[in-house]
Structure formats: structure tokens, C-alpha cells
PDB file of N, CA and C in Angstrom:
ATOM      1  N   UNK A   1     -31.780 134.164 386.138  1.00  0.00           N
ATOM      2  CA  UNK A   1     -31.472 134.607 384.779  1.00  0.00           C
ATOM      3  C   UNK A   1     -31.552 136.131 384.714  1.00  0.00           C
ATOM      4  N   UNK A   2     -30.782 136.701 383.828  1.00  0.00           N
ATOM      5  CA  UNK A   2     -30.740 138.156 383.695  1.00  0.00           C
ATOM      6  C   UNK A   2     -32.061 138.683 383.125  1.00  0.00           C
ATOM      7  N   UNK A   3     -32.513 139.803 383.670  1.00  0.00           N
ATOM      8  CA  UNK A   3     -33.789 140.370 383.246  1.00  0.00           C
ATOM      9  C   UNK A   3     -33.631 141.537 382.275  1.00  0.00           C
ATOM     10  N   UNK A   4     -32.523 142.258 382.379  1.00  0.00           N
ATOM     11  CA  UNK A   4     -32.354 143.436 381.523  1.00  0.00           C
ATOM     12  C   UNK A   4     -31.424 143.129 380.368  1.00  0.00           C
ATOM     13  N   UNK A   5     -31.536 143.939 379.341  1.00  0.00           N
ATOM     14  CA  UNK A   5     -30.680 143.754 378.158  1.00  0.00           C
ATOM     15  C   UNK A   5     -29.218 143.937 378.519  1.00  0.00           C
ATOM     16  N   UNK A   6     -28.928 144.906 379.390  1.00  0.00           N
ATOM     17  CA  UNK A   6     -27.533 145.153 379.770  1.00  0.00           C
ATOM     18  C   UNK A   6     -26.961 143.980 380.560  1.00  0.00           C
ATOM     19  N   UNK A   7     -27.794 143.359 381.381  1.00  0.00           N
ATOM     20  CA  UNK A   7     -27.322 142.202 382.140  1.00  0.00           C
ATOM     21  C   UNK A   7     -27.067 141.018 381.216  1.00  0.00           C
ATOM     22  N   UNK A   8     -27.940 140.829 380.213  1.00  0.00           N
ATOM     23  CA  UNK A   8     -27.727 139.746 379.248  1.00  0.00           C
ATOM     24  C   UNK A   8     -26.451 139.981 378.451  1.00  0.00           C
ATOM     25  N   UNK A   9     -26.204 141.235 378.088  1.00  0.00           N
ATOM     26  CA  UNK A   9     -24.981 141.578 377.354  1.00  0.00           C
ATOM     27  C   UNK A   9     -23.754 141.309 378.238  1.00  0.00           C
ATOM     28  N   UNK A  10     -23.853 141.669 379.514  1.00  0.00           N
ATOM     29  CA  UNK A  10     -22.742 141.458 380.440  1.00  0.00           C
ATOM     30  C   UNK A  10     -22.414 139.963 380.545  1.00  0.00           C
ATOM     31  N   UNK A  11     -23.433 139.116 380.555  1.00  0.00           N
ATOM     32  CA  UNK A  11     -23.215 137.668 380.612  1.00  0.00           C
ATOM     33  C   UNK A  11     -22.482 137.191 379.359  1.00  0.00           C
ATOM     34  N   UNK A  12     -22.910 137.696 378.193  1.00  0.00           N
ATOM     35  CA  UNK A  12     -22.233 137.310 376.941  1.00  0.00           C
ATOM     36  C   UNK A  12     -20.777 137.754 376.951  1.00  0.00           C
ATOM     37  N   UNK A  13     -20.534 138.973 377.417  1.00  0.00           N
ATOM     38  CA  UNK A  13     -19.157 139.487 377.461  1.00  0.00           C
ATOM     39  C   UNK A  13     -18.303 138.650 378.408  1.00  0.00           C
ATOM     40  N   UNK A  14     -18.865 138.320 379.574  1.00  0.00           N
ATOM     41  CA  UNK A  14     -18.118 137.528 380.555  1.00  0.00           C
ATOM     42  C   UNK A  14     -17.753 136.163 380.007  1.00  0.00           C
ATOM     43  N   UNK A  15     -18.669 135.539 379.268  1.00  0.00           N
ATOM     44  CA  UNK A  15     -18.380 134.223 378.687  1.00  0.00           C
ATOM     45  C   UNK A  15     -17.242 134.303 377.684  1.00  0.00           C
ATOM     46  N   UNK A  16     -17.271 135.339 376.840  1.00  0.00           N
ATOM     47  CA  UNK A  16     -16.194 135.507 375.845  1.00  0.00           C
ATOM     48  C   UNK A  16     -14.858 135.770 376.528  1.00  0.00           C
ATOM     49  N   UNK A  17     -14.867 136.638 377.515  1.00  0.00           N
ATOM     50  CA  UNK A  17     -13.618 136.963 378.211  1.00  0.00           C
ATOM     51  C   UNK A  17     -13.079 135.777 378.980  1.00  0.00           C
ATOM     52  N   UNK A  18     -13.978 135.015 379.585  1.00  0.00           N
ATOM     53  CA  UNK A  18     -13.563 133.828 380.320  1.00  0.00           C
ATOM     54  C   UNK A  18     -12.886 132.836 379.387  1.00  0.00           C
ATOM     55  N   UNK A  19     -13.455 132.630 378.206  1.00  0.00           N
ATOM     56  CA  UNK A  19     -12.864 131.703 377.238  1.00  0.00           C
ATOM     57  C   UNK A  19     -11.484 132.190 376.801  1.00  0.00           C
ATOM     58  N   UNK A  20     -11.381 133.485 376.553  1.00  0.00           N
ATOM     59  CA  UNK A  20     -10.113 134.067 376.109  1.00  0.00           C
ATOM     60  C   UNK A  20      -9.050 133.938 377.196  1.00  0.00           C
ATOM     61  N   UNK A  21      -9.421 134.276 378.436  1.00  0.00           N
ATOM     62  CA  UNK A  21      -8.464 134.227 379.538  1.00  0.00           C
ATOM     63  C   UNK A  21      -8.055 132.796 379.868  1.00  0.00           C
ATOM     64  N   UNK A  22      -8.984 131.865 379.742  1.00  0.00           N
ATOM     65  CA  UNK A  22      -8.658 130.454 379.975  1.00  0.00           C
ATOM     66  C   UNK A  22      -7.630 129.980 378.960  1.00  0.00           C
ATOM     67  N   UNK A  23      -7.822 130.370 377.713  1.00  0.00           N
ATOM     68  CA  UNK A  23      -6.869 129.991 376.665  1.00  0.00           C
ATOM     69  C   UNK A  23      -5.502 130.604 376.935  1.00  0.00           C
ATOM     70  N   UNK A  24      -5.482 131.854 377.375  1.00  0.00           N
ATOM     71  CA  UNK A  24      -4.202 132.511 377.682  1.00  0.00           C
ATOM     72  C   UNK A  24      -3.475 131.802 378.809  1.00  0.00           C
ATOM     73  N   UNK A  25      -4.205 131.465 379.872  1.00  0.00           N
ATOM     74  CA  UNK A  25      -3.572 130.794 381.002  1.00  0.00           C
ATOM     75  C   UNK A  25      -3.055 129.418 380.599  1.00  0.00           C
ATOM     76  N   UNK A  26      -3.804 128.723 379.769  1.00  0.00           N
ATOM     77  CA  UNK A  26      -3.387 127.413 379.305  1.00  0.00           C
ATOM     78  C   UNK A  26      -2.085 127.532 378.506  1.00  0.00           C
ATOM     79  N   UNK A  27      -2.026 128.546 377.656  1.00  0.00           N
ATOM     80  CA  UNK A  27      -0.830 128.786 376.848  1.00  0.00           C
ATOM     81  C   UNK A  27       0.380 129.080 377.733  1.00  0.00           C
ATOM     82  N   UNK A  28       0.184 129.895 378.756  1.00  0.00           N
ATOM     83  CA  UNK A  28       1.265 130.223 379.687  1.00  0.00           C
ATOM     84  C   UNK A  28       1.745 128.955 380.383  1.00  0.00           C
ATOM     85  N   UNK A  29       0.804 128.140 380.864  1.00  0.00           N
ATOM     86  CA  UNK A  29       1.179 126.912 381.565  1.00  0.00           C
ATOM     87  C   UNK A  29       1.981 125.975 380.660  1.00  0.00           C
ATOM     88  N   UNK A  30       1.603 125.914 379.384  1.00  0.00           N
ATOM     89  CA  UNK A  30       2.314 125.057 378.434  1.00  0.00           C
ATOM     90  C   UNK A  30       3.760 125.514 378.281  1.00  0.00           C
ATOM     91  N   UNK A  31       3.957 126.825 378.135  1.00  0.00           N
ATOM     92  CA  UNK A  31       5.310 127.344 377.970  1.00  0.00           C
ATOM     93  C   UNK A  31       6.147 127.104 379.226  1.00  0.00           C
ATOM     94  N   UNK A  32       5.563 127.308 380.391  1.00  0.00           N
ATOM     95  CA  UNK A  32       6.287 127.100 381.649  1.00  0.00           C
ATOM     96  C   UNK A  32       6.629 125.625 381.816  1.00  0.00           C
ATOM     97  N   UNK A  33       5.699 124.753 381.416  1.00  0.00           N
ATOM     98  CA  UNK A  33       5.937 123.317 381.525  1.00  0.00           C
ATOM     99  C   UNK A  33       7.112 122.901 380.636  1.00  0.00           C
ATOM    100  N   UNK A  34       7.228 123.522 379.458  1.00  0.00           N
ATOM    101  CA  UNK A  34       8.354 123.207 378.569  1.00  0.00           C
ATOM    102  C   UNK A  34       9.675 123.582 379.224  1.00  0.00           C
ATOM    103  N   UNK A  35       9.686 124.720 379.919  1.00  0.00           N
ATOM    104  CA  UNK A  35      10.906 125.143 380.620  1.00  0.00           C
ATOM    105  C   UNK A  35      11.234 124.138 381.724  1.00  0.00           C
ATOM    106  N   UNK A  36      10.233 123.760 382.505  1.00  0.00           N
ATOM    107  CA  UNK A  36      10.466 122.838 383.621  1.00  0.00           C
ATOM    108  C   UNK A  36      10.937 121.474 383.139  1.00  0.00           C
ATOM    109  N   UNK A  37      10.399 121.016 382.018  1.00  0.00           N
ATOM    110  CA  UNK A  37      10.839 119.729 381.480  1.00  0.00           C
ATOM    111  C   UNK A  37      12.289 119.810 381.006  1.00  0.00           C
ATOM    112  N   UNK A  38      12.664 120.935 380.410  1.00  0.00           N
ATOM    113  CA  UNK A  38      14.050 121.111 379.967  1.00  0.00           C
ATOM    114  C   UNK A  38      14.994 121.154 381.168  1.00  0.00           C
ATOM    115  N   UNK A  39      14.545 121.780 382.250  1.00  0.00           N
ATOM    116  CA  UNK A  39      15.366 121.843 383.467  1.00  0.00           C
ATOM    117  C   UNK A  39      15.556 120.435 384.029  1.00  0.00           C
ATOM    118  N   UNK A  40      14.462 119.662 384.082  1.00  0.00           N
ATOM    119  CA  UNK A  40      14.538 118.301 384.629  1.00  0.00           C
ATOM    120  C   UNK A  40      15.440 117.402 383.790  1.00  0.00           C
ATOM    121  N   UNK A  41      15.482 117.651 382.477  1.00  0.00           N
ATOM    122  CA  UNK A  41      16.343 116.831 381.622  1.00  0.00           C
ATOM    123  C   UNK A  41      17.813 117.200 381.812  1.00  0.00           C
ATOM    124  N   UNK A  42      18.068 118.365 382.425  1.00  0.00           N
ATOM    125  CA  UNK A  42      19.436 118.768 382.720  1.00  0.00           C
ATOM    126  C   UNK A  42      20.140 119.476 381.582  1.00  0.00           C
ATOM    127  N   UNK A  43      19.414 119.813 380.541  1.00  0.00           N
ATOM    128  CA  UNK A  43      20.016 120.498 379.400  1.00  0.00           C
ATOM    129  C   UNK A  43      19.862 122.005 379.588  1.00  0.00           C
ATOM    130  N   UNK A  44      20.949 122.632 379.970  1.00  0.00           N
ATOM    131  CA  UNK A  44      20.900 124.061 380.300  1.00  0.00           C
ATOM    132  C   UNK A  44      20.550 124.912 379.084  1.00  0.00           C
ATOM    133  N   UNK A  45      21.137 124.591 377.935  1.00  0.00           N
ATOM    134  CA  UNK A  45      20.891 125.396 376.732  1.00  0.00           C
ATOM    135  C   UNK A  45      19.423 125.323 376.307  1.00  0.00           C
ATOM    136  N   UNK A  46      18.871 124.111 376.325  1.00  0.00           N
ATOM    137  CA  UNK A  46      17.465 123.942 375.957  1.00  0.00           C
ATOM    138  C   UNK A  46      16.552 124.684 376.930  1.00  0.00           C
ATOM    139  N   UNK A  47      16.907 124.623 378.210  1.00  0.00           N
ATOM    140  CA  UNK A  47      16.103 125.293 379.236  1.00  0.00           C
ATOM    141  C   UNK A  47      16.147 126.803 379.052  1.00  0.00           C
ATOM    142  N   UNK A  48      17.317 127.330 378.716  1.00  0.00           N
ATOM    143  CA  UNK A  48      17.451 128.777 378.507  1.00  0.00           C
ATOM    144  C   UNK A  48      16.643 129.226 377.295  1.00  0.00           C
ATOM    145  N   UNK A  49      16.674 128.430 376.230  1.00  0.00           N
ATOM    146  CA  UNK A  49      15.889 128.761 375.037  1.00  0.00           C
ATOM    147  C   UNK A  49      14.396 128.726 375.358  1.00  0.00           C
ATOM    148  N   UNK A  50      13.981 127.705 376.106  1.00  0.00           N
ATOM    149  CA  UNK A  50      12.566 127.585 376.477  1.00  0.00           C
ATOM    150  C   UNK A  50      12.132 128.758 377.361  1.00  0.00           C
ATOM    151  N   UNK A  51      13.001 129.194 378.252  1.00  0.00           N
ATOM    152  CA  UNK A  51      12.667 130.336 379.113  1.00  0.00           C
ATOM    153  C   UNK A  51      12.543 131.616 378.296  1.00  0.00           C
ATOM    154  N   UNK A  52      13.435 131.789 377.324  1.00  0.00           N
ATOM    155  CA  UNK A  52      13.340 132.981 376.459  1.00  0.00           C
ATOM    156  C   UNK A  52      12.038 132.986 375.666  1.00  0.00           C
ATOM    157  N   UNK A  53      11.538 131.804 375.330  1.00  0.00           N
ATOM    158  CA  UNK A  53      10.259 131.711 374.621  1.00  0.00           C
ATOM    159  C   UNK A  53       9.088 131.954 375.572  1.00  0.00           C
ATOM    160  N   UNK A  54       9.244 131.551 376.830  1.00  0.00           N
ATOM    161  CA  UNK A  54       8.148 131.657 377.803  1.00  0.00           C
ATOM    162  C   UNK A  54       7.987 133.075 378.345  1.00  0.00           C
ATOM    163  N   UNK A  55       9.087 133.810 378.439  1.00  0.00           N
ATOM    164  CA  UNK A  55       9.026 135.155 379.044  1.00  0.00           C
ATOM    165  C   UNK A  55       8.031 136.085 378.353  1.00  0.00           C
ATOM    166  N   UNK A  56       8.046 136.216 377.021  1.00  0.00           N
ATOM    167  CA  UNK A  56       7.071 137.110 376.390  1.00  0.00           C
ATOM    168  C   UNK A  56       5.631 136.657 376.632  1.00  0.00           C
ATOM    169  N   UNK A  57       5.430 135.348 376.696  1.00  0.00           N
ATOM    170  CA  UNK A  57       4.080 134.822 376.929  1.00  0.00           C
ATOM    171  C   UNK A  57       3.605 135.188 378.335  1.00  0.00           C
ATOM    172  N   UNK A  58       4.501 135.088 379.304  1.00  0.00           N
ATOM    173  CA  UNK A  58       4.173 135.473 380.672  1.00  0.00           C
ATOM    174  C   UNK A  58       3.887 136.974 380.757  1.00  0.00           C
ATOM    175  N   UNK A  59       4.729 137.773 380.112  1.00  0.00           N
ATOM    176  CA  UNK A  59       4.531 139.221 380.136  1.00  0.00           C
ATOM    177  C   UNK A  59       3.236 139.615 379.439  1.00  0.00           C
ATOM    178  N   UNK A  60       2.872 138.895 378.392  1.00  0.00           N
ATOM    179  CA  UNK A  60       1.623 139.163 377.683  1.00  0.00           C
ATOM    180  C   UNK A  60       0.435 138.905 378.601  1.00  0.00           C
ATOM    181  N   UNK A  61       0.540 137.874 379.436  1.00  0.00           N
ATOM    182  CA  UNK A  61      -0.533 137.574 380.388  1.00  0.00           C
ATOM    183  C   UNK A  61      -0.701 138.729 381.373  1.00  0.00           C
ATOM    184  N   UNK A  62       0.409 139.348 381.753  1.00  0.00           N
ATOM    185  CA  UNK A  62       0.337 140.514 382.646  1.00  0.00           C
ATOM    186  C   UNK A  62      -0.334 141.671 381.921  1.00  0.00           C
ATOM    187  N   UNK A  63       0.071 141.912 380.699  1.00  0.00           N
ATOM    188  CA  UNK A  63      -0.479 143.023 379.935  1.00  0.00           C
ATOM    189  C   UNK A  63      -1.969 142.885 379.687  1.00  0.00           C
ATOM    190  N   UNK A  64      -2.432 141.643 379.545  1.00  0.00           N
ATOM    191  CA  UNK A  64      -3.848 141.395 379.294  1.00  0.00           C
ATOM    192  C   UNK A  64      -4.647 141.303 380.592  1.00  0.00           C
ATOM    193  N   UNK A  65      -3.961 141.379 381.731  1.00  0.00           N
ATOM    194  CA  UNK A  65      -4.661 141.366 383.010  1.00  0.00           C
ATOM    195  C   UNK A  65      -5.038 139.983 383.502  1.00  0.00           C
ATOM    196  N   UNK A  66      -4.419 138.944 382.933  1.00  0.00           N
ATOM    197  CA  UNK A  66      -4.750 137.582 383.333  1.00  0.00           C
ATOM    198  C   UNK A  66      -3.940 137.168 384.555  1.00  0.00           C
ATOM    199  N   UNK A  67      -2.716 137.660 384.647  1.00  0.00           N
ATOM    200  CA  UNK A  67      -1.844 137.343 385.784  1.00  0.00           C
ATOM    201  C   UNK A  67      -1.340 138.633 386.401  1.00  0.00           C
ATOM    202  N   UNK A  68      -0.953 138.542 387.661  1.00  0.00           N
ATOM    203  CA  UNK A  68      -0.405 139.695 388.364  1.00  0.00           C
ATOM    204  C   UNK A  68       1.076 139.845 388.018  1.00  0.00           C
ATOM    205  N   UNK A  69       1.522 141.069 387.947  1.00  0.00           N
ATOM    206  CA  UNK A  69       2.908 141.355 387.545  1.00  0.00           C
ATOM    207  C   UNK A  69       3.916 140.709 388.478  1.00  0.00           C
ATOM    208  N   UNK A  70       3.677 140.771 389.774  1.00  0.00           N
ATOM    209  CA  UNK A  70       4.628 140.200 390.730  1.00  0.00           C
ATOM    210  C   UNK A  70       4.670 138.674 390.641  1.00  0.00           C
ATOM    211  N   UNK A  71       3.563 138.068 390.323  1.00  0.00           N
ATOM    212  CA  UNK A  71       3.517 136.612 390.162  1.00  0.00           C
ATOM    213  C   UNK A  71       4.414 136.184 389.010  1.00  0.00           C
ATOM    214  N   UNK A  72       4.307 136.912 387.909  1.00  0.00           N
ATOM    215  CA  UNK A  72       5.121 136.594 386.732  1.00  0.00           C
ATOM    216  C   UNK A  72       6.594 136.849 387.022  1.00  0.00           C
ATOM    217  N   UNK A  73       6.894 137.953 387.687  1.00  0.00           N
ATOM    218  CA  UNK A  73       8.286 138.266 388.028  1.00  0.00           C
ATOM    219  C   UNK A  73       8.874 137.168 388.905  1.00  0.00           C
ATOM    220  N   UNK A  74       8.086 136.697 389.866  1.00  0.00           N
ATOM    221  CA  UNK A  74       8.550 135.643 390.770  1.00  0.00           C
ATOM    222  C   UNK A  74       8.795 134.337 390.003  1.00  0.00           C
ATOM    223  N   UNK A  75       7.879 133.988 389.108  1.00  0.00           N
ATOM    224  CA  UNK A  75       8.040 132.749 388.337  1.00  0.00           C
ATOM    225  C   UNK A  75       9.272 132.795 387.451  1.00  0.00           C
ATOM    226  N   UNK A  76       9.459 133.921 386.751  1.00  0.00           N
ATOM    227  CA  UNK A  76      10.620 134.063 385.875  1.00  0.00           C
ATOM    228  C   UNK A  76      11.902 133.987 386.687  1.00  0.00           C
ATOM    229  N   UNK A  77      11.897 134.655 387.835  1.00  0.00           N
ATOM    230  CA  UNK A  77      13.074 134.663 388.695  1.00  0.00           C
ATOM    231  C   UNK A  77      13.419 133.252 389.166  1.00  0.00           C
ATOM    232  N   UNK A  78      12.414 132.508 389.593  1.00  0.00           N
ATOM    233  CA  UNK A  78      12.665 131.158 390.100  1.00  0.00           C
ATOM    234  C   UNK A  78      13.116 130.216 388.996  1.00  0.00           C
ATOM    235  N   UNK A  79      12.511 130.357 387.820  1.00  0.00           N
ATOM    236  CA  UNK A  79      12.925 129.510 386.696  1.00  0.00           C
ATOM    237  C   UNK A  79      14.365 129.806 386.293  1.00  0.00           C
ATOM    238  N   UNK A  80      14.713 131.130 386.245  1.00  0.00           N
ATOM    239  CA  UNK A  80      16.086 131.470 385.858  1.00  0.00           C
ATOM    240  C   UNK A  80      17.092 130.989 386.888  1.00  0.00           C
ATOM    241  N   UNK A  81      16.709 131.037 388.167  1.00  0.00           N
ATOM    242  CA  UNK A  81      17.611 130.557 389.222  1.00  0.00           C
ATOM    243  C   UNK A  81      17.834 129.061 389.065  1.00  0.00           C
ATOM    244  N   UNK A  82      16.783 128.332 388.730  1.00  0.00           N
ATOM    245  CA  UNK A  82      16.925 126.887 388.543  1.00  0.00           C
ATOM    246  C   UNK A  82      17.800 126.568 387.356  1.00  0.00           C
ATOM    247  N   UNK A  83      17.660 127.369 386.280  1.00  0.00           N
ATOM    248  CA  UNK A  83      18.500 127.159 385.093  1.00  0.00           C
ATOM    249  C   UNK A  83      19.955 127.489 385.413  1.00  0.00           C
ATOM    250  N   UNK A  84      20.135 128.554 386.155  1.00  0.00           N
ATOM    251  CA  UNK A  84      21.493 128.966 386.527  1.00  0.00           C
ATOM    252  C   UNK A  84      22.174 127.910 387.377  1.00  0.00           C
ATOM    253  N   UNK A  85      21.416 127.245 388.226  1.00  0.00           N
ATOM    254  CA  UNK A  85      22.003 126.231 389.100  1.00  0.00           C
ATOM    255  C   UNK A  85      22.406 124.969 388.326  1.00  0.00           C
ATOM    256  N   UNK A  86      21.886 124.820 387.109  1.00  0.00           N
ATOM    257  CA  UNK A  86      22.279 123.666 386.302  1.00  0.00           C
ATOM    258  C   UNK A  86      23.764 123.701 385.965  1.00  0.00           C
ATOM    259  N   UNK A  87      24.318 124.892 385.778  1.00  0.00           N
ATOM    260  CA  UNK A  87      25.734 125.021 385.430  1.00  0.00           C
ATOM    261  C   UNK A  87      26.612 124.628 386.598  1.00  0.00           C
ATOM    262  N   UNK A  88      26.196 125.014 387.819  1.00  0.00           N
ATOM    263  CA  UNK A  88      26.980 124.733 389.012  1.00  0.00           C
ATOM    264  C   UNK A  88      26.976 123.236 389.328  1.00  0.00           C
ATOM    265  N   UNK A  89      25.858 122.594 389.038  1.00  0.00           N
ATOM    266  CA  UNK A  89      25.746 121.172 389.383  1.00  0.00           C
ATOM    267  C   UNK A  89      26.486 120.280 388.422  1.00  0.00           C
TER     268      UNK A  89
END
């Protein structure tokens, strides 16, 4: 257990930040899942709309330091490629 006041404060801060970051990641996963479900259903328009909704959420995760910028760029790129391939198929 923490012995100093600063260490106790650090524990409280970490708990709050952990809760906040967990909620952010959960929100991101939900938005990405909506895009993937739209892709699986084969509806290109719905998938594109879902991706447009997910992009700001992903970028917000980068801005808040929850996800790495390259990870988000890679995910967006792969999702858009999958949506684009729906037209060809």
C-alpha cells in the first residue's frame, strides 16, 4: 500500500484515468464493430456511413493518448479497403 500522500494521490489518479481510457476503448471497439457488421452484410452505403462515424472516434482515441496514431491509420485504411472491395464484388 502507498505510504506517502503523493503516492495515494497517484493511485487515485490512475484509477480515474484507467476507467476513462477503458470507456474510450470500449466506445472505439463498438464503432469499429458496427463498421465490420455493415461490411459483412454487404451493404456498401451503410458501411461507408458507419466508417464516417467511426473515424472521429478513432482519431479522438489518438488525441487522448489511448491508441497509437499508426494503429488507427492502419485500421481506417483496412476498413476502407474492405468497403471499397464491396463495389468490385
